[in-house]
Amino acid sequence: MSDVETVLRVQGMTCGHCVKHVGEAVRGVPGVHAASVDLASGDVRVSHAAGASVAAMCAAIVDAGYEVATPASA
């Protein structure tokens, strides 16, 4: 199965610690292979297996204390 990339827009990140926290949260979701967080844009680029749950990625971000500003798309 090939990887899929999903871009999520996150609100509430203000510093490098936020970037680390969001990245760790998303990388903890089953099926996620990598996550790159851009503080300036608020984008989180997630490389994951096709069957990975985008809803679980969003939930992990919310559980970490941030808001997903755009609907998830795979």
PDB file of N, CA and C in Angstrom:
ATOM      1  N   MET A   1       0.837  -1.171   0.000  1.00  0.00           N
ATOM      2  CA  MET A   1       0.000   0.000   0.000  1.00  0.00           C
ATOM      3  C   MET A   1       0.888   1.243   0.000  1.00  0.00           C
ATOM      4  N   SER A   2       0.573   2.219  -0.815  1.00  0.00           N
ATOM      5  CA  SER A   2       1.388   3.420  -0.868  1.00  0.00           C
ATOM      6  C   SER A   2       0.904   4.448   0.153  1.00  0.00           C
ATOM      7  N   ASP A   3       1.812   5.359   0.466  1.00  0.00           N
ATOM      8  CA  ASP A   3       1.472   6.416   1.411  1.00  0.00           C
ATOM      9  C   ASP A   3       0.559   7.452   0.773  1.00  0.00           C
ATOM     10  N   VAL A   4      -0.233   8.087   1.606  1.00  0.00           N
ATOM     11  CA  VAL A   4      -1.118   9.169   1.227  1.00  0.00           C
ATOM     12  C   VAL A   4      -0.664  10.384   2.017  1.00  0.00           C
ATOM     13  N   GLU A   5      -0.782  11.573   1.435  1.00  0.00           N
ATOM     14  CA  GLU A   5      -0.476  12.783   2.194  1.00  0.00           C
ATOM     15  C   GLU A   5      -1.751  13.560   2.452  1.00  0.00           C
ATOM     16  N   THR A   6      -1.933  13.944   3.696  1.00  0.00           N
ATOM     17  CA  THR A   6      -3.069  14.757   4.104  1.00  0.00           C
ATOM     18  C   THR A   6      -2.519  16.027   4.729  1.00  0.00           C
ATOM     19  N   VAL A   7      -3.112  17.160   4.387  1.00  0.00           N
ATOM     20  CA  VAL A   7      -2.705  18.427   4.982  1.00  0.00           C
ATOM     21  C   VAL A   7      -3.842  18.913   5.871  1.00  0.00           C
ATOM     22  N   LEU A   8      -3.521  19.159   7.126  1.00  0.00           N
ATOM     23  CA  LEU A   8      -4.485  19.678   8.090  1.00  0.00           C
ATOM     24  C   LEU A   8      -4.051  21.078   8.491  1.00  0.00           C
ATOM     25  N   ARG A   9      -4.981  21.979   8.652  1.00  0.00           N
ATOM     26  CA  ARG A   9      -4.676  23.337   9.124  1.00  0.00           C
ATOM     27  C   ARG A   9      -5.022  23.400  10.603  1.00  0.00           C
ATOM     28  N   VAL A  10      -4.034  23.776  11.401  1.00  0.00           N
ATOM     29  CA  VAL A  10      -4.192  23.784  12.853  1.00  0.00           C
ATOM     30  C   VAL A  10      -4.111  25.220  13.368  1.00  0.00           C
ATOM     31  N   GLN A  11      -4.998  25.557  14.280  1.00  0.00           N
ATOM     32  CA  GLN A  11      -4.982  26.866  14.920  1.00  0.00           C
ATOM     33  C   GLN A  11      -4.565  26.711  16.375  1.00  0.00           C
ATOM     34  N   GLY A  12      -3.920  27.737  16.884  1.00  0.00           N
ATOM     35  CA  GLY A  12      -3.553  27.744  18.293  1.00  0.00           C
ATOM     36  C   GLY A  12      -2.085  27.490  18.559  1.00  0.00           C
ATOM     37  N   MET A  13      -1.305  27.209  17.519  1.00  0.00           N
ATOM     38  CA  MET A  13       0.127  27.000  17.710  1.00  0.00           C
ATOM     39  C   MET A  13       0.820  28.360  17.733  1.00  0.00           C
ATOM     40  N   THR A  14       1.665  28.580  18.748  1.00  0.00           N
ATOM     41  CA  THR A  14       2.323  29.871  18.877  1.00  0.00           C
ATOM     42  C   THR A  14       3.842  29.788  19.007  1.00  0.00           C
ATOM     43  N   CYS A  15       4.388  28.581  19.162  1.00  0.00           N
ATOM     44  CA  CYS A  15       5.834  28.469  19.403  1.00  0.00           C
ATOM     45  C   CYS A  15       6.351  27.096  18.981  1.00  0.00           C
ATOM     46  N   GLY A  16       7.650  26.931  19.111  1.00  0.00           N
ATOM     47  CA  GLY A  16       8.279  25.663  18.761  1.00  0.00           C
ATOM     48  C   GLY A  16       7.779  24.502  19.602  1.00  0.00           C
ATOM     49  N   HIS A  17       7.447  24.767  20.853  1.00  0.00           N
ATOM     50  CA  HIS A  17       6.905  23.705  21.708  1.00  0.00           C
ATOM     51  C   HIS A  17       5.574  23.209  21.152  1.00  0.00           C
ATOM     52  N   CYS A  18       4.752  24.131  20.670  1.00  0.00           N
ATOM     53  CA  CYS A  18       3.463  23.756  20.069  1.00  0.00           C
ATOM     54  C   CYS A  18       3.688  22.849  18.866  1.00  0.00           C
ATOM     55  N   VAL A  19       4.661  23.221  18.030  1.00  0.00           N
ATOM     56  CA  VAL A  19       4.986  22.431  16.841  1.00  0.00           C
ATOM     57  C   VAL A  19       5.368  21.015  17.249  1.00  0.00           C
ATOM     58  N   LYS A  20       6.228  20.910  18.248  1.00  0.00           N
ATOM     59  CA  LYS A  20       6.660  19.588  18.724  1.00  0.00           C
ATOM     60  C   LYS A  20       5.477  18.795  19.276  1.00  0.00           C
ATOM     61  N   HIS A  21       4.631  19.451  20.054  1.00  0.00           N
ATOM     62  CA  HIS A  21       3.488  18.793  20.688  1.00  0.00           C
ATOM     63  C   HIS A  21       2.506  18.256  19.636  1.00  0.00           C
ATOM     64  N   VAL A  22       2.187  19.081  18.636  1.00  0.00           N
ATOM     65  CA  VAL A  22       1.270  18.657  17.573  1.00  0.00           C
ATOM     66  C   VAL A  22       1.890  17.510  16.769  1.00  0.00           C
ATOM     67  N   GLY A  23       3.154  17.642  16.420  1.00  0.00           N
ATOM     68  CA  GLY A  23       3.824  16.590  15.647  1.00  0.00           C
ATOM     69  C   GLY A  23       3.818  15.258  16.373  1.00  0.00           C
ATOM     70  N   GLU A  24       4.137  15.283  17.659  1.00  0.00           N
ATOM     71  CA  GLU A  24       4.144  14.048  18.447  1.00  0.00           C
ATOM     72  C   GLU A  24       2.747  13.442  18.530  1.00  0.00           C
ATOM     73  N   ALA A  25       1.744  14.290  18.681  1.00  0.00           N
ATOM     74  CA  ALA A  25       0.362  13.798  18.774  1.00  0.00           C
ATOM     75  C   ALA A  25      -0.047  13.089  17.495  1.00  0.00           C
ATOM     76  N   VAL A  26       0.240  13.699  16.360  1.00  0.00           N
ATOM     77  CA  VAL A  26      -0.160  13.115  15.070  1.00  0.00           C
ATOM     78  C   VAL A  26       0.645  11.856  14.777  1.00  0.00           C
ATOM     79  N   ARG A  27       1.934  11.874  15.067  1.00  0.00           N
ATOM     80  CA  ARG A  27       2.766  10.693  14.802  1.00  0.00           C
ATOM     81  C   ARG A  27       2.368   9.503  15.667  1.00  0.00           C
ATOM     82  N   GLY A  28       1.632   9.743  16.743  1.00  0.00           N
ATOM     83  CA  GLY A  28       1.169   8.660  17.600  1.00  0.00           C
ATOM     84  C   GLY A  28      -0.064   7.935  17.083  1.00  0.00           C
ATOM     85  N   VAL A  29      -0.648   8.421  16.002  1.00  0.00           N
ATOM     86  CA  VAL A  29      -1.843   7.797  15.433  1.00  0.00           C
ATOM     87  C   VAL A  29      -1.423   6.588  14.593  1.00  0.00           C
ATOM     88  N   PRO A  30      -2.063   5.441  14.787  1.00  0.00           N
ATOM     89  CA  PRO A  30      -1.712   4.249  14.001  1.00  0.00           C
ATOM     90  C   PRO A  30      -1.814   4.523  12.496  1.00  0.00           C
ATOM     91  N   GLY A  31      -0.777   4.095  11.784  1.00  0.00           N
ATOM     92  CA  GLY A  31      -0.751   4.247  10.327  1.00  0.00           C
ATOM     93  C   GLY A  31      -0.043   5.501   9.857  1.00  0.00           C
ATOM     94  N   VAL A  32       0.260   6.418  10.778  1.00  0.00           N
ATOM     95  CA  VAL A  32       0.986   7.640  10.404  1.00  0.00           C
ATOM     96  C   VAL A  32       2.471   7.321  10.351  1.00  0.00           C
ATOM     97  N   HIS A  33       3.099   7.685   9.232  1.00  0.00           N
ATOM     98  CA  HIS A  33       4.528   7.421   9.047  1.00  0.00           C
ATOM     99  C   HIS A  33       5.375   8.651   9.358  1.00  0.00           C
ATOM    100  N   ALA A  34       4.851   9.843   9.060  1.00  0.00           N
ATOM    101  CA  ALA A  34       5.598  11.079   9.298  1.00  0.00           C
ATOM    102  C   ALA A  34       4.636  12.247   9.355  1.00  0.00           C
ATOM    103  N   ALA A  35       5.045  13.277  10.087  1.00  0.00           N
ATOM    104  CA  ALA A  35       4.253  14.504  10.152  1.00  0.00           C
ATOM    105  C   ALA A  35       5.200  15.677  10.201  1.00  0.00           C
ATOM    106  N   SER A  36       4.949  16.662   9.346  1.00  0.00           N
ATOM    107  CA  SER A  36       5.750  17.867   9.292  1.00  0.00           C
ATOM    108  C   SER A  36       4.850  19.046   9.642  1.00  0.00           C
ATOM    109  N   VAL A  37       5.229  19.789  10.660  1.00  0.00           N
ATOM    110  CA  VAL A  37       4.399  20.886  11.159  1.00  0.00           C
ATOM    111  C   VAL A  37       5.067  22.214  10.825  1.00  0.00           C
ATOM    112  N   ASP A  38       4.318  23.114  10.199  1.00  0.00           N
ATOM    113  CA  ASP A  38       4.818  24.442   9.845  1.00  0.00           C
ATOM    114  C   ASP A  38       4.106  25.478  10.710  1.00  0.00           C
ATOM    115  N   LEU A  39       4.847  26.102  11.615  1.00  0.00           N
ATOM    116  CA  LEU A  39       4.264  27.065  12.539  1.00  0.00           C
ATOM    117  C   LEU A  39       3.684  28.273  11.810  1.00  0.00           C
ATOM    118  N   ALA A  40       4.402  28.790  10.821  1.00  0.00           N
ATOM    119  CA  ALA A  40       3.977  30.011  10.130  1.00  0.00           C
ATOM    120  C   ALA A  40       2.641  29.846   9.420  1.00  0.00           C
ATOM    121  N   SER A  41       2.456  28.723   8.745  1.00  0.00           N
ATOM    122  CA  SER A  41       1.221  28.508   7.982  1.00  0.00           C
ATOM    123  C   SER A  41       0.148  27.796   8.797  1.00  0.00           C
ATOM    124  N   GLY A  42       0.577  27.075   9.825  1.00  0.00           N
ATOM    125  CA  GLY A  42      -0.355  26.262  10.594  1.00  0.00           C
ATOM    126  C   GLY A  42      -0.649  24.924   9.939  1.00  0.00           C
ATOM    127  N   ASP A  43       0.069  24.621   8.855  1.00  0.00           N
ATOM    128  CA  ASP A  43      -0.164  23.362   8.140  1.00  0.00           C
ATOM    129  C   ASP A  43       0.576  22.202   8.786  1.00  0.00           C
ATOM    130  N   VAL A  44      -0.106  21.072   8.838  1.00  0.00           N
ATOM    131  CA  VAL A  44       0.509  19.824   9.265  1.00  0.00           C
ATOM    132  C   VAL A  44       0.382  18.864   8.087  1.00  0.00           C
ATOM    133  N   ARG A  45       1.511  18.495   7.498  1.00  0.00           N
ATOM    134  CA  ARG A  45       1.532  17.545   6.378  1.00  0.00           C
ATOM    135  C   ARG A  45       1.794  16.167   6.962  1.00  0.00           C
ATOM    136  N   VAL A  46       0.834  15.282   6.736  1.00  0.00           N
ATOM    137  CA  VAL A  46       0.904  13.955   7.333  1.00  0.00           C
ATOM    138  C   VAL A  46       1.030  12.917   6.233  1.00  0.00           C
ATOM    139  N   SER A  47       2.074  12.116   6.308  1.00  0.00           N
ATOM    140  CA  SER A  47       2.263  10.987   5.408  1.00  0.00           C
ATOM    141  C   SER A  47       1.777   9.750   6.154  1.00  0.00           C
ATOM    142  N   HIS A  48       0.817   9.044   5.545  1.00  0.00           N
ATOM    143  CA  HIS A  48       0.215   7.921   6.266  1.00  0.00           C
ATOM    144  C   HIS A  48      -0.257   6.841   5.308  1.00  0.00           C
ATOM    145  N   ALA A  49      -0.512   5.671   5.870  1.00  0.00           N
ATOM    146  CA  ALA A  49      -1.081   4.567   5.102  1.00  0.00           C
ATOM    147  C   ALA A  49      -2.487   4.959   4.672  1.00  0.00           C
ATOM    148  N   ALA A  50      -2.903   4.445   3.538  1.00  0.00           N
ATOM    149  CA  ALA A  50      -4.215   4.790   2.991  1.00  0.00           C
ATOM    150  C   ALA A  50      -5.351   4.478   3.961  1.00  0.00           C
ATOM    151  N   GLY A  51      -5.182   3.481   4.790  1.00  0.00           N
ATOM    152  CA  GLY A  51      -6.241   3.092   5.710  1.00  0.00           C
ATOM    153  C   GLY A  51      -6.218   3.826   7.045  1.00  0.00           C
ATOM    154  N   ALA A  52      -5.248   4.714   7.241  1.00  0.00           N
ATOM    155  CA  ALA A  52      -5.156   5.431   8.518  1.00  0.00           C
ATOM    156  C   ALA A  52      -6.339   6.382   8.675  1.00  0.00           C
ATOM    157  N   SER A  53      -6.773   6.560   9.886  1.00  0.00           N
ATOM    158  CA  SER A  53      -7.941   7.384  10.176  1.00  0.00           C
ATOM    159  C   SER A  53      -7.572   8.866  10.278  1.00  0.00           C
ATOM    160  N   VAL A  54      -8.069   9.651   9.317  1.00  0.00           N
ATOM    161  CA  VAL A  54      -7.857  11.094   9.363  1.00  0.00           C
ATOM    162  C   VAL A  54      -8.616  11.682  10.555  1.00  0.00           C
ATOM    163  N   ALA A  55      -9.752  11.113  10.869  1.00  0.00           N
ATOM    164  CA  ALA A  55     -10.515  11.564  12.039  1.00  0.00           C
ATOM    165  C   ALA A  55      -9.695  11.373  13.315  1.00  0.00           C
ATOM    166  N   ALA A  56      -8.948  10.273  13.398  1.00  0.00           N
ATOM    167  CA  ALA A  56      -8.098  10.030  14.567  1.00  0.00           C
ATOM    168  C   ALA A  56      -6.960  11.049  14.631  1.00  0.00           C
ATOM    169  N   MET A  57      -6.446  11.455  13.473  1.00  0.00           N
ATOM    170  CA  MET A  57      -5.406  12.490  13.439  1.00  0.00           C
ATOM    171  C   MET A  57      -5.968  13.796  13.992  1.00  0.00           C
ATOM    172  N   CYS A  58      -7.147  14.159  13.538  1.00  0.00           N
ATOM    173  CA  CYS A  58      -7.804  15.384  14.014  1.00  0.00           C
ATOM    174  C   CYS A  58      -8.070  15.300  15.515  1.00  0.00           C
ATOM    175  N   ALA A  59      -8.537  14.158  15.970  1.00  0.00           N
ATOM    176  CA  ALA A  59      -8.825  13.968  17.394  1.00  0.00           C
ATOM    177  C   ALA A  59      -7.552  14.090  18.222  1.00  0.00           C
ATOM    178  N   ALA A  60      -6.438  13.577  17.717  1.00  0.00           N
ATOM    179  CA  ALA A  60      -5.167  13.659  18.440  1.00  0.00           C
ATOM    180  C   ALA A  60      -4.741  15.117  18.583  1.00  0.00           C
ATOM    181  N   ILE A  61      -4.950  15.905  17.543  1.00  0.00           N
ATOM    182  CA  ILE A  61      -4.603  17.330  17.593  1.00  0.00           C
ATOM    183  C   ILE A  61      -5.487  18.052  18.610  1.00  0.00           C
ATOM    184  N   VAL A  62      -6.771  17.765  18.588  1.00  0.00           N
ATOM    185  CA  VAL A  62      -7.710  18.381  19.527  1.00  0.00           C
ATOM    186  C   VAL A  62      -7.364  17.951  20.955  1.00  0.00           C
ATOM    187  N   ASP A  63      -7.064  16.679  21.148  1.00  0.00           N
ATOM    188  CA  ASP A  63      -6.698  16.186  22.475  1.00  0.00           C
ATOM    189  C   ASP A  63      -5.416  16.845  22.993  1.00  0.00           C
ATOM    190  N   ALA A  64      -4.556  17.268  22.061  1.00  0.00           N
ATOM    191  CA  ALA A  64      -3.309  17.939  22.436  1.00  0.00           C
ATOM    192  C   ALA A  64      -3.548  19.411  22.790  1.00  0.00           C
ATOM    193  N   GLY A  65      -4.772  19.888  22.561  1.00  0.00           N
ATOM    194  CA  GLY A  65      -5.114  21.245  22.970  1.00  0.00           C
ATOM    195  C   GLY A  65      -5.183  22.267  21.859  1.00  0.00           C
ATOM    196  N   TYR A  66      -5.262  21.794  20.621  1.00  0.00           N
ATOM    197  CA  TYR A  66      -5.291  22.695  19.477  1.00  0.00           C
ATOM    198  C   TYR A  66      -6.567  22.466  18.684  1.00  0.00           C
ATOM    199  N   GLU A  67      -6.809  23.322  17.705  1.00  0.00           N
ATOM    200  CA  GLU A  67      -8.025  23.227  16.906  1.00  0.00           C
ATOM    201  C   GLU A  67      -7.665  22.940  15.456  1.00  0.00           C
ATOM    202  N   VAL A  68      -8.378  22.009  14.855  1.00  0.00           N
ATOM    203  CA  VAL A  68      -8.227  21.744  13.425  1.00  0.00           C
ATOM    204  C   VAL A  68      -9.155  22.702  12.713  1.00  0.00           C
ATOM    205  N   ALA A  69      -8.570  23.622  11.929  1.00  0.00           N
ATOM    206  CA  ALA A  69      -9.337  24.728  11.346  1.00  0.00           C
ATOM    207  C   ALA A  69     -10.001  24.363  10.028  1.00  0.00           C
ATOM    208  N   THR A  70      -9.519  23.350   9.348  1.00  0.00           N
ATOM    209  CA  THR A  70     -10.117  22.965   8.072  1.00  0.00           C
ATOM    210  C   THR A  70     -10.521  21.505   8.128  1.00  0.00           C
ATOM    211  N   PRO A  71     -11.522  21.160   7.372  1.00  0.00           N
ATOM    212  CA  PRO A  71     -11.903  19.737   7.315  1.00  0.00           C
ATOM    213  C   PRO A  71     -10.746  18.901   6.798  1.00  0.00           C
ATOM    214  N   ALA A  72     -10.597  17.742   7.363  1.00  0.00           N
ATOM    215  CA  ALA A  72      -9.546  16.833   6.925  1.00  0.00           C
ATOM    216  C   ALA A  72      -9.881  16.292   5.554  1.00  0.00           C
ATOM    217  N   SER A  73      -8.848  16.151   4.740  1.00  0.00           N
ATOM    218  CA  SER A  73      -9.022  15.527   3.425  1.00  0.00           C
ATOM    219  C   SER A  73      -7.863  14.594   3.182  1.00  0.00           C
ATOM    220  N   ALA A  74      -8.145  13.498   2.529  1.00  0.00           N
ATOM    221  CA  ALA A  74      -7.077  12.535   2.236  1.00  0.00           C
ATOM    222  C   ALA A  74      -6.794  12.522   0.775  1.00  0.00           C
TER     223      ALA A  74
END
